[in-house]
């Protein structure tokens, strides 16, 4: 029983294959017949043209041979007209016309046309100089079209009497036109065309049916194959896309989530597949899903999430309702972790803000410096005029000191606003660190601070401006020492990474408050009684000029960690 069914199946497959093979063969034969018919038609048309051209060329050569020389122009034209009328009596000839090189008819099989113009649409002057036989097909309102053969007319007696050096020396004066009646050709062509069209139509119908049938089968197979490929492609795309995707059915159950979503949500899809989103997703995502419009549309917003390790992250979330025929069939979330992107955006905004402040500071510093010079000059003058022990002289000294302090602040402002000009050289960061530590040794000793420097065995070289890097390190070291008035530890590590070399400075000081940390790079922001607030702003500017960056981590009472990244 099983074998008989299998045999029937095989016979059916063979029958189907034979049927389609037959249809394909019929289609190919139809196309071949159509092409053969068209080729035959073109050959017949070409043959007719060749026959007419050859016949016209023969008649023109006969006319040239029959023309005889005459004593005067009048007799020559009379002989030409007589010979032309005699030749024009042949069957299938509509007309024979001879014009001069300006298109005036001087001989015609219809004598009434003499002195009329003909061939004005052609370059008769050039044709009169050429022995090349040309042709054209012209319409005849009174009957069948006319096949016209024309070229320059060169009687044989001219070739030998006037120009014995050769026919090519003869200057053409006349153009001859021979018109053939195409009535018989057109009738034969019409019959042949009609038969050809009928054959082509029949063959095209057969071929079209075959092609359509084959196309339908191929389309079905291609569609099936495409659907399979699209399914594989969509599954692969969803699995590997860099954005987290979570899909829900109409009841709120998670029916799909990709690997990126699992990474962002820190859960696995099997754990989510049988649960509602209200049980597994963070509350901000639940609120966003609950607020999606029922009739469809997109909702996009940034939400802040606190991860399991306490780190705050920002997600860019796009939610949408899946609608089918105005009926909600589910919901979808696209989630992207944009924590670093938002931090970079803040950095860019802060850089623009600092740039504008720098420009303003430079202008203000320039305007203040001139009045300060005048104030200092008057204070010095008053000091010299006053008695040495008077209180007024002490006041003048205070004025001079304060003016000097303001000048130093203005100098720092101008330095901060001025474009950074680096003089880089290849060096190891450890040499800068060691030199700067020596500069702060008095403060280290006074504050009872222990300094530890850790350098790797194969420390790489970096391209940096020694003076600027030492200025960066000095500002950071002094800030750390001021935070450790009662002693502590200052650890300096030089760490080699793939694309950068880090200088990490850790202190055990009082740290920076949470509210103050975002403002540490702002000019004039300082927690020191006598500080200008330009130290870290200048440090950040120098690091950016080197193509690097600075990162500060701190908490009140837990010390501060400053990381300097120098590109390798």
Protein backbone atom coordinates (compact mmCIF):
# COMPACT_ATOMS: atom_id res chain seq x y z
CA UNK A 1 0.00 0.00 0.00
CA UNK A 2 2.75 2.38 0.98
CA UNK A 3 4.78 1.46 -2.11
CA UNK A 4 1.81 2.07 -4.43
CA UNK A 5 1.27 5.52 -2.92
CA UNK A 6 4.96 6.29 -3.36
CA UNK A 7 4.82 5.10 -6.98
CA UNK A 8 1.79 7.31 -7.64
CA UNK A 9 3.68 10.18 -6.11
CA UNK A 10 6.67 9.51 -8.37
CA UNK A 11 4.42 9.31 -11.45
CA UNK A 12 2.79 12.58 -10.47
CA UNK A 13 6.16 14.26 -10.09
CA UNK A 14 7.31 12.94 -13.47
CA UNK A 15 4.02 14.09 -15.05
CA UNK A 16 4.37 17.55 -13.58
CA UNK A 17 7.95 17.82 -14.75
CA UNK A 18 7.02 16.67 -18.29
CA UNK A 19 4.11 19.11 -18.45
CA UNK A 20 6.22 22.06 -17.47
CA UNK A 21 9.01 20.94 -19.79
CA UNK A 22 6.51 20.80 -22.68
CA UNK A 23 5.15 24.24 -21.87
CA UNK A 24 8.67 25.61 -21.67
CA UNK A 25 9.57 24.05 -25.00
CA UNK A 26 6.45 25.52 -26.65
CA UNK A 27 7.34 28.94 -25.29
CA UNK A 28 10.89 28.71 -26.61
CA UNK A 29 9.66 27.52 -30.04
CA UNK A 30 7.15 30.39 -30.17
CA UNK A 31 9.85 32.92 -29.48
CA UNK A 32 12.14 31.33 -32.07
CA UNK A 33 9.36 31.36 -34.72
CA UNK A 34 8.61 34.98 -33.98
CA UNK A 35 12.26 35.89 -34.31
CA UNK A 36 12.55 33.92 -37.56
CA UNK A 37 9.46 35.63 -38.98
CA UNK A 38 10.83 39.04 -38.10
CA UNK A 39 14.19 38.16 -39.56
CA UNK A 40 12.49 36.93 -42.78
CA UNK A 41 10.51 40.14 -43.03
CA UNK A 42 13.67 42.20 -42.57
CA UNK A 43 15.52 40.13 -45.18
CA UNK A 44 12.68 40.61 -47.68
CA UNK A 45 12.64 44.33 -47.06
CA UNK A 46 16.42 44.51 -47.42
CA UNK A 47 16.29 42.46 -50.62
CA UNK A 48 13.64 44.75 -52.12
CA UNK A 49 15.80 47.76 -51.33
CA UNK A 50 18.84 46.12 -52.92
CA UNK A 51 16.84 45.27 -56.06
CA UNK A 52 15.50 48.82 -56.44
CA UNK A 53 18.91 50.39 -55.79
CA UNK A 54 20.62 48.08 -58.27
CA UNK A 55 17.92 48.62 -60.88
CA UNK A 56 18.11 52.39 -60.42
CA UNK A 57 21.91 52.37 -60.64
CA UNK A 58 21.71 50.31 -63.86
CA UNK A 59 19.21 52.70 -65.42
CA UNK A 60 21.36 55.71 -64.45
CA UNK A 61 24.47 54.10 -65.97
CA UNK A 62 22.48 53.27 -69.15
CA UNK A 63 21.27 56.86 -69.31
CA UNK A 64 24.81 58.15 -68.89
CA UNK A 65 26.03 55.79 -71.66
CA UNK A 66 23.22 56.76 -74.01
CA UNK A 67 23.81 60.47 -73.73
CA UNK A 68 25.75 61.78 -76.73
CA UNK A 69 27.81 64.88 -77.08
CA UNK A 70 26.28 67.80 -79.00
CA UNK A 71 27.63 70.97 -80.47
CA UNK A 72 25.63 73.27 -78.24
CA UNK A 73 23.81 73.20 -74.90
CA UNK A 74 20.35 73.26 -76.49
CA UNK A 75 20.87 70.11 -78.54
CA UNK A 76 22.46 68.38 -75.54
CA UNK A 77 19.41 69.02 -73.36
CA UNK A 78 17.07 67.99 -76.19
CA UNK A 79 18.90 64.67 -76.58
CA UNK A 80 18.82 64.19 -72.78
CA UNK A 81 15.01 64.78 -72.70
CA UNK A 82 14.43 62.42 -75.61
CA UNK A 83 16.52 59.63 -74.06
CA UNK A 84 14.90 60.19 -70.63
CA UNK A 85 11.34 59.80 -72.05
CA UNK A 86 12.33 56.62 -73.85
CA UNK A 87 13.82 55.04 -70.72
CA UNK A 88 10.88 56.15 -68.53
CA UNK A 89 8.52 53.98 -70.62
CA UNK A 90 9.79 50.90 -68.81
CA UNK A 91 7.31 49.30 -66.37
CA UNK A 92 7.32 50.24 -62.67
CA UNK A 93 9.05 53.58 -63.36
CA UNK A 94 7.06 56.57 -62.03
CA UNK A 95 9.43 59.27 -63.20
CA UNK A 96 12.98 60.20 -64.18
CA UNK A 97 14.12 63.72 -63.36
CA UNK A 98 17.38 65.53 -64.11
CA UNK A 99 18.16 68.77 -62.26
CA UNK A 100 21.14 71.05 -62.19
CA UNK A 101 23.19 71.44 -59.00
CA UNK A 102 20.79 74.12 -57.78
CA UNK A 103 17.65 71.93 -57.99
CA UNK A 104 16.14 73.34 -61.24
CA UNK A 105 14.61 70.62 -63.45
CA UNK A 106 16.23 70.59 -66.91
CA UNK A 107 14.77 67.24 -68.10
CA UNK A 108 11.75 65.27 -66.86
CA UNK A 109 9.68 62.31 -68.02
CA UNK A 110 6.81 64.77 -67.54
CA UNK A 111 7.88 67.70 -69.79
CA UNK A 112 5.48 70.06 -67.98
CA UNK A 113 7.74 69.91 -64.89
CA UNK A 114 10.75 71.42 -66.70
CA UNK A 115 12.07 74.60 -65.03
CA UNK A 116 10.37 73.64 -61.74
CA UNK A 117 12.37 73.06 -58.54
CA UNK A 118 13.01 69.59 -57.15
CA UNK A 119 15.09 68.11 -54.38
CA UNK A 120 15.32 71.30 -52.38
CA UNK A 121 15.26 69.26 -49.17
CA UNK A 122 18.56 67.70 -50.25
CA UNK A 123 22.03 69.15 -50.68
CA UNK A 124 21.90 69.06 -54.51
CA UNK A 125 25.25 70.77 -54.90
CA UNK A 126 27.00 68.05 -52.91
CA UNK A 127 25.01 65.22 -54.55
CA UNK A 128 25.96 66.52 -58.03
CA UNK A 129 29.63 65.96 -57.13
CA UNK A 130 29.11 62.36 -55.92
CA UNK A 131 28.90 59.11 -57.88
CA UNK A 132 27.52 57.29 -54.81
CA UNK A 133 24.02 55.93 -55.39
CA UNK A 134 21.57 56.98 -52.66
CA UNK A 135 17.91 56.23 -52.07
CA UNK A 136 14.86 57.32 -50.19
CA UNK A 137 11.20 56.39 -49.96
CA UNK A 138 8.72 59.18 -50.64
CA UNK A 139 4.95 59.33 -50.23
CA UNK A 140 2.76 59.51 -53.33
CA UNK A 141 -0.70 60.98 -52.65
CA UNK A 142 -2.10 59.51 -55.88
CA UNK A 143 -1.12 55.89 -55.24
CA UNK A 144 1.61 53.65 -53.89
CA UNK A 145 4.77 55.11 -52.41
CA UNK A 146 7.73 55.82 -54.64
CA UNK A 147 11.21 54.37 -54.12
CA UNK A 148 13.60 57.04 -55.38
CA UNK A 149 17.22 56.40 -56.43
CA UNK A 150 19.46 59.42 -57.05
CA UNK A 151 23.04 60.50 -57.54
CA UNK A 152 25.18 62.86 -59.64
CA UNK A 153 24.89 62.52 -63.42
CA UNK A 154 28.18 62.03 -65.27
CA UNK A 155 27.82 61.34 -69.08
CA UNK A 156 30.53 59.03 -70.35
CA UNK A 157 31.76 61.41 -73.04
CA UNK A 158 32.81 63.86 -70.33
CA UNK A 159 35.04 61.28 -68.66
CA UNK A 160 37.23 60.92 -71.73
CA UNK A 161 36.91 64.09 -73.76
CA UNK A 162 37.14 66.73 -71.10
CA UNK A 163 39.06 64.85 -68.43
CA UNK A 164 41.31 62.15 -69.86
CA UNK A 165 43.06 61.75 -66.50
CA UNK A 166 40.08 59.93 -65.01
CA UNK A 167 36.40 60.19 -64.13
CA UNK A 168 37.16 61.50 -60.68
CA UNK A 169 38.29 64.80 -62.24
CA UNK A 170 34.83 65.57 -63.72
CA UNK A 171 32.99 68.41 -61.98
CA UNK A 172 29.35 67.35 -61.44
CA UNK A 173 26.66 69.68 -62.81
CA UNK A 174 23.53 67.50 -62.75
CA UNK A 175 21.55 65.24 -60.42
CA UNK A 176 19.37 62.42 -61.72
CA UNK A 177 16.39 60.97 -59.83
CA UNK A 178 14.72 57.66 -60.79
CA UNK A 179 11.40 56.93 -59.07
CA UNK A 180 10.04 53.36 -58.95
CA UNK A 181 6.42 52.49 -58.22
CA UNK A 182 6.21 50.36 -55.06
CA UNK A 183 2.64 49.17 -55.64
CA UNK A 184 3.48 45.52 -56.28
CA UNK A 185 6.06 45.46 -53.50
CA UNK A 186 3.62 47.04 -51.06
CA UNK A 187 0.90 44.55 -51.93
CA UNK A 188 3.26 41.61 -51.49
CA UNK A 189 4.63 43.15 -48.29
CA UNK A 190 1.12 43.72 -46.93
CA UNK A 191 0.15 40.11 -47.51
CA UNK A 192 3.40 38.88 -46.02
CA UNK A 193 3.07 41.24 -43.08
CA UNK A 194 -0.48 40.14 -42.38
CA UNK A 195 0.53 36.49 -42.43
CA UNK A 196 3.55 37.23 -40.28
CA UNK A 197 1.47 39.14 -37.75
CA UNK A 198 -1.03 36.31 -37.53
CA UNK A 199 1.75 33.81 -36.96
CA UNK A 200 3.40 36.06 -34.40
CA UNK A 201 0.12 36.63 -32.53
CA UNK A 202 -0.56 32.92 -32.36
CA UNK A 203 2.97 32.17 -31.26
CA UNK A 204 2.94 35.02 -28.75
CA UNK A 205 -0.30 33.76 -27.24
CA UNK A 206 1.16 30.32 -26.88
CA UNK A 207 4.44 31.66 -25.61
CA UNK A 208 2.73 34.07 -23.22
CA UNK A 209 0.63 31.34 -21.71
CA UNK A 210 3.74 29.25 -21.24
CA UNK A 211 5.72 32.11 -19.74
CA UNK A 212 2.86 33.12 -17.43
CA UNK A 213 2.53 29.57 -16.22
CA UNK A 214 6.23 29.28 -15.61
CA UNK A 215 6.25 32.68 -13.93
CA UNK A 216 3.47 31.71 -11.56
CA UNK A 217 5.29 28.56 -10.55
CA UNK A 218 8.58 30.39 -10.17
CA UNK A 219 6.88 33.19 -8.23
CA UNK A 220 5.35 30.68 -5.86
CA UNK A 221 8.67 28.99 -5.27
CA UNK A 222 10.48 32.32 -4.97
CA UNK A 223 7.89 33.65 -2.53
CA UNK A 224 8.19 30.57 -0.39
CA UNK A 225 11.98 30.79 -0.45
CA UNK A 226 11.88 34.54 0.24
CA UNK A 227 9.58 34.06 3.20
CA UNK A 228 11.97 31.51 4.64
CA UNK A 229 14.96 33.81 4.11
CA UNK A 230 13.08 36.78 5.54
CA UNK A 231 12.17 34.78 8.60
CA UNK A 232 15.78 33.78 9.14
CA UNK A 233 16.95 37.32 8.40
CA UNK A 234 14.46 38.95 10.78
CA UNK A 235 15.31 36.50 13.55
CA UNK A 236 19.04 37.11 13.04
CA UNK A 237 18.52 40.87 12.87
CA UNK A 238 16.44 40.99 16.04
CA UNK A 239 18.90 38.76 17.82
CA UNK A 240 21.97 40.82 16.93
CA UNK A 241 20.59 44.36 16.70
CA UNK A 242 22.39 46.83 19.01
CA UNK A 243 19.08 47.99 20.53
CA UNK A 244 17.07 46.02 23.04
CA UNK A 245 13.69 44.86 21.72
CA UNK A 246 10.85 43.49 23.84
CA UNK A 247 7.48 42.51 22.34
CA UNK A 248 4.25 41.87 24.25
CA UNK A 249 1.01 40.20 23.21
CA UNK A 250 -2.43 41.67 23.77
CA UNK A 251 -2.54 40.27 27.31
CA UNK A 252 0.73 41.91 28.35
CA UNK A 253 2.88 38.78 28.24
CA UNK A 254 6.38 39.05 26.85
CA UNK A 255 6.51 36.98 23.66
CA UNK A 256 9.95 37.98 22.41
CA UNK A 257 13.10 39.75 23.53
CA UNK A 258 16.55 39.85 21.98
CA UNK A 259 19.96 39.42 23.55
CA UNK A 260 20.56 43.16 23.88
CA UNK A 261 17.32 43.55 25.85
CA UNK A 262 18.42 40.75 28.17
CA UNK A 263 21.75 42.51 28.66
CA UNK A 264 20.13 45.88 29.41
CA UNK A 265 17.37 44.48 31.66
CA UNK A 266 19.81 42.02 33.25
CA UNK A 267 17.33 39.15 32.89
CA UNK A 268 16.95 36.20 30.52
CA UNK A 269 14.17 35.73 27.98
CA UNK A 270 13.06 32.31 29.34
CA UNK A 271 12.40 33.98 32.69
CA UNK A 272 10.25 36.62 30.97
CA UNK A 273 8.41 34.50 28.41
CA UNK A 274 5.64 33.29 30.70
CA UNK A 275 5.26 36.41 32.83
CA UNK A 276 3.53 39.74 32.40
CA UNK A 277 5.64 42.86 32.02
CA UNK A 278 4.22 44.28 35.24
CA UNK A 279 6.07 41.56 37.14
CA UNK A 280 9.53 41.86 35.61
CA UNK A 281 10.19 45.28 34.12
CA UNK A 282 11.33 48.38 36.04
CA UNK A 283 8.53 50.68 37.13
CA UNK A 284 9.36 53.51 34.64
CA UNK A 285 8.98 51.02 31.74
CA UNK A 286 5.69 49.78 33.15
CA UNK A 287 4.41 53.35 33.35
CA UNK A 288 5.48 54.07 29.78
CA UNK A 289 3.71 50.94 28.49
CA UNK A 290 0.56 51.80 30.41
CA UNK A 291 0.52 55.27 28.87
CA UNK A 292 0.82 54.19 25.23
CA UNK A 293 -2.07 55.42 23.02
CA UNK A 294 -4.54 52.65 22.24
CA UNK A 295 -4.92 53.64 18.57
CA UNK A 296 -1.21 53.42 17.84
CA UNK A 297 1.62 55.92 17.72
CA UNK A 298 5.10 56.20 19.15
CA UNK A 299 6.17 57.44 22.57
CA UNK A 300 9.85 58.26 23.09
CA UNK A 301 11.46 59.37 26.32
CA UNK A 302 14.57 59.06 28.49
CA UNK A 303 14.20 57.28 31.80
CA UNK A 304 16.66 56.96 34.67
CA UNK A 305 17.19 53.52 36.20
CA UNK A 306 19.14 52.45 39.26
CA UNK A 307 20.90 49.17 38.48
CA UNK A 308 21.29 46.30 40.93
CA UNK A 309 24.80 47.50 41.79
CA UNK A 310 23.50 50.98 42.63
CA UNK A 311 24.81 52.62 39.45
CA UNK A 312 22.44 55.09 37.83
CA UNK A 313 21.82 54.57 34.14
CA UNK A 314 19.88 56.41 31.50
CA UNK A 315 17.85 54.55 28.90
CA UNK A 316 16.37 55.91 25.73
CA UNK A 317 13.06 54.08 25.34
CA UNK A 318 10.68 54.02 22.38
CA UNK A 319 7.29 52.41 22.89
CA UNK A 320 4.65 51.58 20.30
CA UNK A 321 1.31 49.81 20.11
CA UNK A 322 1.04 47.12 17.41
CA UNK A 323 -2.24 47.75 15.55
CA UNK A 324 -3.86 45.37 13.07
CA UNK A 325 -7.06 46.63 11.37
CA UNK A 326 -7.48 49.28 14.10
CA UNK A 327 -7.30 46.57 16.75
CA UNK A 328 -4.43 46.49 19.22
CA UNK A 329 -2.54 43.22 18.93
CA UNK A 330 0.30 43.96 21.34
CA UNK A 331 3.01 46.39 22.36
CA UNK A 332 6.71 46.82 21.68
CA UNK A 333 9.63 48.49 23.43
CA UNK A 334 12.97 49.52 21.97
CA UNK A 335 15.54 50.19 24.70
CA UNK A 336 18.99 51.71 24.35
CA UNK A 337 21.49 52.44 27.09
CA UNK A 338 22.50 56.08 26.52
CA UNK A 339 24.31 56.71 29.79
CA UNK A 340 27.65 57.42 28.12
CA UNK A 341 26.03 59.37 25.29
CA UNK A 342 24.25 61.69 27.70
CA UNK A 343 27.50 62.17 29.62
CA UNK A 344 29.24 63.11 26.39
CA UNK A 345 26.45 65.54 25.57
CA UNK A 346 26.94 67.14 28.98
CA UNK A 347 30.67 67.38 28.31
CA UNK A 348 30.03 69.08 24.97
CA UNK A 349 27.59 71.53 26.56
CA UNK A 350 30.07 72.23 29.35
CA UNK A 351 32.85 72.81 26.83
CA UNK A 352 30.71 75.29 24.91
CA UNK A 353 29.82 77.01 28.17
CA UNK A 354 33.49 77.26 29.15
CA UNK A 355 34.39 78.61 25.74
CA UNK A 356 31.86 81.40 26.06
CA UNK A 357 33.05 82.15 29.61
CA UNK A 358 36.65 82.22 28.39
CA UNK A 359 35.85 84.78 25.73
CA UNK A 360 33.97 86.92 28.22
CA UNK A 361 36.75 86.61 30.80
CA UNK A 362 39.41 87.67 28.33
CA UNK A 363 37.46 90.81 27.45
CA UNK A 364 36.75 91.69 31.07
CA UNK A 365 40.40 91.08 32.09
CA UNK A 366 41.64 93.37 29.37
CA UNK A 367 39.28 96.15 30.42
CA UNK A 368 40.17 95.83 34.14
CA UNK A 369 43.96 95.70 33.78
CA UNK A 370 44.32 99.32 32.60
CA UNK A 371 42.41 100.89 35.55
CA UNK A 372 44.35 98.66 37.96
CA UNK A 373 47.62 100.04 36.64
CA UNK A 374 46.38 103.54 37.34
CA UNK A 375 45.25 102.58 40.88
CA UNK A 376 48.63 101.02 41.63
CA UNK A 377 50.43 104.06 40.33
CA UNK A 378 48.43 106.43 42.54
CA UNK A 379 48.92 104.10 45.57
CA UNK A 380 52.70 104.10 45.04
CA UNK A 381 52.66 107.87 44.68
CA UNK A 382 50.68 108.33 47.90
CA UNK A 383 52.96 105.90 49.76
CA UNK A 384 56.03 107.93 48.84
CA UNK A 385 54.41 111.20 49.99
CA UNK A 386 53.22 109.87 53.35
CA UNK A 387 55.23 109.49 56.54
CA UNK A 388 56.79 106.06 57.12
CA UNK A 389 54.90 105.31 60.35
CA UNK A 390 51.47 106.60 59.38
CA UNK A 391 48.37 104.42 59.05
CA UNK A 392 47.74 105.88 55.59
CA UNK A 393 51.03 104.44 54.37
CA UNK A 394 49.96 100.99 55.58
CA UNK A 395 46.67 101.47 53.72
CA UNK A 396 48.61 102.31 50.56
CA UNK A 397 50.62 99.09 50.97
CA UNK A 398 47.38 97.13 51.27
CA UNK A 399 46.07 98.77 48.08
CA UNK A 400 49.29 97.86 46.24
CA UNK A 401 49.14 94.24 47.46
CA UNK A 402 45.48 93.85 46.46
CA UNK A 403 46.19 95.34 43.03
CA UNK A 404 49.02 92.83 42.59
CA UNK A 405 46.65 90.01 43.59
CA UNK A 406 44.05 91.22 41.09
CA UNK A 407 46.74 91.36 38.42
CA UNK A 408 47.64 87.74 39.12
CA UNK A 409 43.97 86.74 38.82
CA UNK A 410 43.69 88.64 35.54
CA UNK A 411 46.85 86.94 34.26
CA UNK A 412 45.26 83.57 35.05
CA UNK A 413 42.08 84.66 33.26
CA UNK A 414 43.99 85.65 30.14
CA UNK A 415 45.97 82.42 30.24
CA UNK A 416 42.71 80.46 30.55
CA UNK A 417 41.08 82.30 27.63
CA UNK A 418 44.13 82.20 25.35
CA UNK A 419 44.24 79.36 22.71
CA UNK A 420 46.43 76.51 23.90
CA UNK A 421 49.82 76.36 22.15
CA UNK A 422 51.45 72.99 22.86
CA UNK A 423 55.12 72.16 22.38
CA UNK A 424 54.98 68.39 22.43
CA UNK A 425 57.86 66.00 22.81
CA UNK A 426 58.13 62.27 23.34
CA UNK A 427 58.54 61.39 27.02
CA UNK A 428 57.41 59.09 29.81
CA UNK A 429 54.76 60.41 32.20
CA UNK A 430 56.68 59.06 35.20
CA UNK A 431 59.39 61.69 34.67
CA UNK A 432 56.76 64.48 34.88
CA UNK A 433 55.23 62.90 37.98
CA UNK A 434 58.55 62.59 39.79
CA UNK A 435 59.55 66.18 38.95
CA UNK A 436 56.20 67.59 40.15
CA UNK A 437 56.29 65.57 43.39
CA UNK A 438 59.63 67.21 44.22
CA UNK A 439 58.02 70.63 43.81
CA UNK A 440 55.39 69.85 46.46
CA UNK A 441 57.73 68.12 48.92
CA UNK A 442 57.45 70.99 51.48
CA UNK A 443 53.64 70.71 51.56
CA UNK A 444 53.92 66.90 51.73
CA UNK A 445 56.20 67.16 54.74
CA UNK A 446 54.15 69.84 56.53
CA UNK A 447 50.88 67.92 56.10
CA UNK A 448 52.45 64.58 57.09
CA UNK A 449 51.35 62.92 53.81
CA UNK A 450 52.80 59.68 52.42
CA UNK A 451 53.38 59.62 48.62
CA UNK A 452 53.40 56.32 46.70
CA UNK A 453 54.32 56.20 42.99
CA UNK A 454 53.61 52.98 41.05
CA UNK A 455 54.92 52.65 37.48
CA UNK A 456 54.67 49.62 35.18
CA UNK A 457 57.76 47.84 33.86
CA UNK A 458 57.25 48.76 30.21
CA UNK A 459 55.90 52.28 30.46
CA UNK A 460 55.21 53.62 26.94
CA UNK A 461 56.12 57.03 25.61
CA UNK A 462 53.51 59.73 24.98
CA UNK A 463 53.57 62.94 22.98
CA UNK A 464 52.98 65.78 25.46
CA UNK A 465 53.99 69.32 26.39
CA UNK A 466 56.18 68.93 29.51
CA UNK A 467 55.35 72.34 31.02
CA UNK A 468 51.60 71.94 30.52
CA UNK A 469 51.54 68.39 31.91
CA UNK A 470 53.52 69.50 34.97
CA UNK A 471 51.03 72.33 35.46
CA UNK A 472 48.19 69.78 35.38
CA UNK A 473 49.91 67.50 37.89
CA UNK A 474 50.85 70.40 40.17
CA UNK A 475 47.23 71.63 40.36
CA UNK A 476 45.95 68.14 41.16
CA UNK A 477 48.67 67.42 43.74
CA UNK A 478 48.09 70.75 45.51
CA UNK A 479 44.32 70.15 45.63
CA UNK A 480 44.93 66.70 47.14
CA UNK A 481 47.37 68.06 49.76
CA UNK A 482 44.98 70.84 50.76
CA UNK A 483 42.32 68.17 51.36
CA UNK A 484 44.70 66.27 53.68
CA UNK A 485 45.71 68.96 56.23
CA UNK A 486 45.80 66.34 59.01
CA UNK A 487 47.80 63.77 57.07
CA UNK A 488 46.96 60.96 54.72
CA UNK A 489 48.15 59.04 51.70
CA UNK A 490 48.68 60.19 48.09
CA UNK A 491 48.86 57.28 45.63
CA UNK A 492 49.97 57.90 42.04
CA UNK A 493 49.62 55.04 39.55
CA UNK A 494 50.70 55.06 35.90
CA UNK A 495 48.62 52.47 34.03
CA UNK A 496 49.11 51.38 30.43
CA UNK A 497 45.96 50.66 28.42
CA UNK A 498 45.34 49.71 24.81
CA UNK A 499 44.72 53.21 23.50
CA UNK A 500 45.89 55.45 26.35
CA UNK A 501 48.20 55.87 29.31
CA UNK A 502 46.52 56.80 32.60
CA UNK A 503 47.83 58.78 35.53
CA UNK A 504 45.56 57.93 38.48
CA UNK A 505 45.90 60.16 41.58
CA UNK A 506 44.12 59.01 44.77
CA UNK A 507 44.03 60.87 48.06
CA UNK A 508 42.46 60.10 51.43
CA UNK A 509 41.24 63.65 52.02
CA UNK A 510 37.84 65.04 52.88
CA UNK A 511 36.48 64.54 49.36
CA UNK A 512 33.99 66.57 47.30
CA UNK A 513 30.29 66.85 48.02
CA UNK A 514 27.73 65.34 45.64
CA UNK A 515 26.29 68.76 44.79
CA UNK A 516 29.71 70.29 44.15
CA UNK A 517 31.10 67.49 41.94
CA UNK A 518 29.30 68.49 38.70
CA UNK A 519 30.66 72.07 39.01
CA UNK A 520 34.33 71.44 39.66
CA UNK A 521 35.33 72.42 36.10
CA UNK A 522 33.37 75.70 36.14
CA UNK A 523 35.59 78.81 36.26
CA UNK A 524 35.47 80.66 39.61
CA UNK A 525 33.81 77.78 41.41
CA UNK A 526 35.93 76.91 44.44
CA UNK A 527 35.54 75.71 48.00
CA UNK A 528 38.86 77.26 49.05
CA UNK A 529 38.79 80.62 50.86
CA UNK A 530 41.61 82.07 48.75
CA UNK A 531 41.11 80.10 45.52
CA UNK A 532 40.24 81.52 42.10
CA UNK A 533 38.33 78.49 40.84
CA UNK A 534 40.42 78.24 37.64
CA UNK A 535 42.63 75.30 38.59
CA UNK A 536 40.57 72.35 37.29
CA UNK A 537 39.16 74.45 34.43
CA UNK A 538 42.73 74.98 33.19
CA UNK A 539 43.53 71.29 33.78
CA UNK A 540 40.56 70.20 31.67
CA UNK A 541 41.54 72.59 28.89
CA UNK A 542 45.12 71.29 28.82
CA UNK A 543 43.94 67.66 28.74
CA UNK A 544 41.53 68.34 25.88
CA UNK A 545 44.32 70.13 23.97
CA UNK A 546 46.37 66.90 24.28
CA UNK A 547 43.45 64.84 22.92
CA UNK A 548 42.92 63.30 26.35
CA UNK A 549 40.44 63.77 29.16
CA UNK A 550 40.11 64.04 32.95
CA UNK A 551 37.75 62.06 35.15
CA UNK A 552 37.06 62.80 38.83
CA UNK A 553 35.38 60.44 41.31
CA UNK A 554 34.81 61.58 44.86
CA UNK A 555 32.50 61.41 47.86
CA UNK A 556 32.37 63.45 51.03
CA UNK A 557 34.72 61.94 53.64
CA UNK A 558 35.97 59.17 51.28
CA UNK A 559 38.74 60.90 49.37
CA UNK A 560 39.08 61.73 45.69
CA UNK A 561 40.29 59.83 42.63
CA UNK A 562 41.48 61.80 39.58
CA UNK A 563 42.21 59.92 36.32
CA UNK A 564 44.16 61.59 33.50
CA UNK A 565 43.96 59.88 30.09
CA UNK A 566 46.78 60.60 27.63
CA UNK A 567 46.51 59.11 24.09
CA UNK A 568 49.34 56.77 23.16
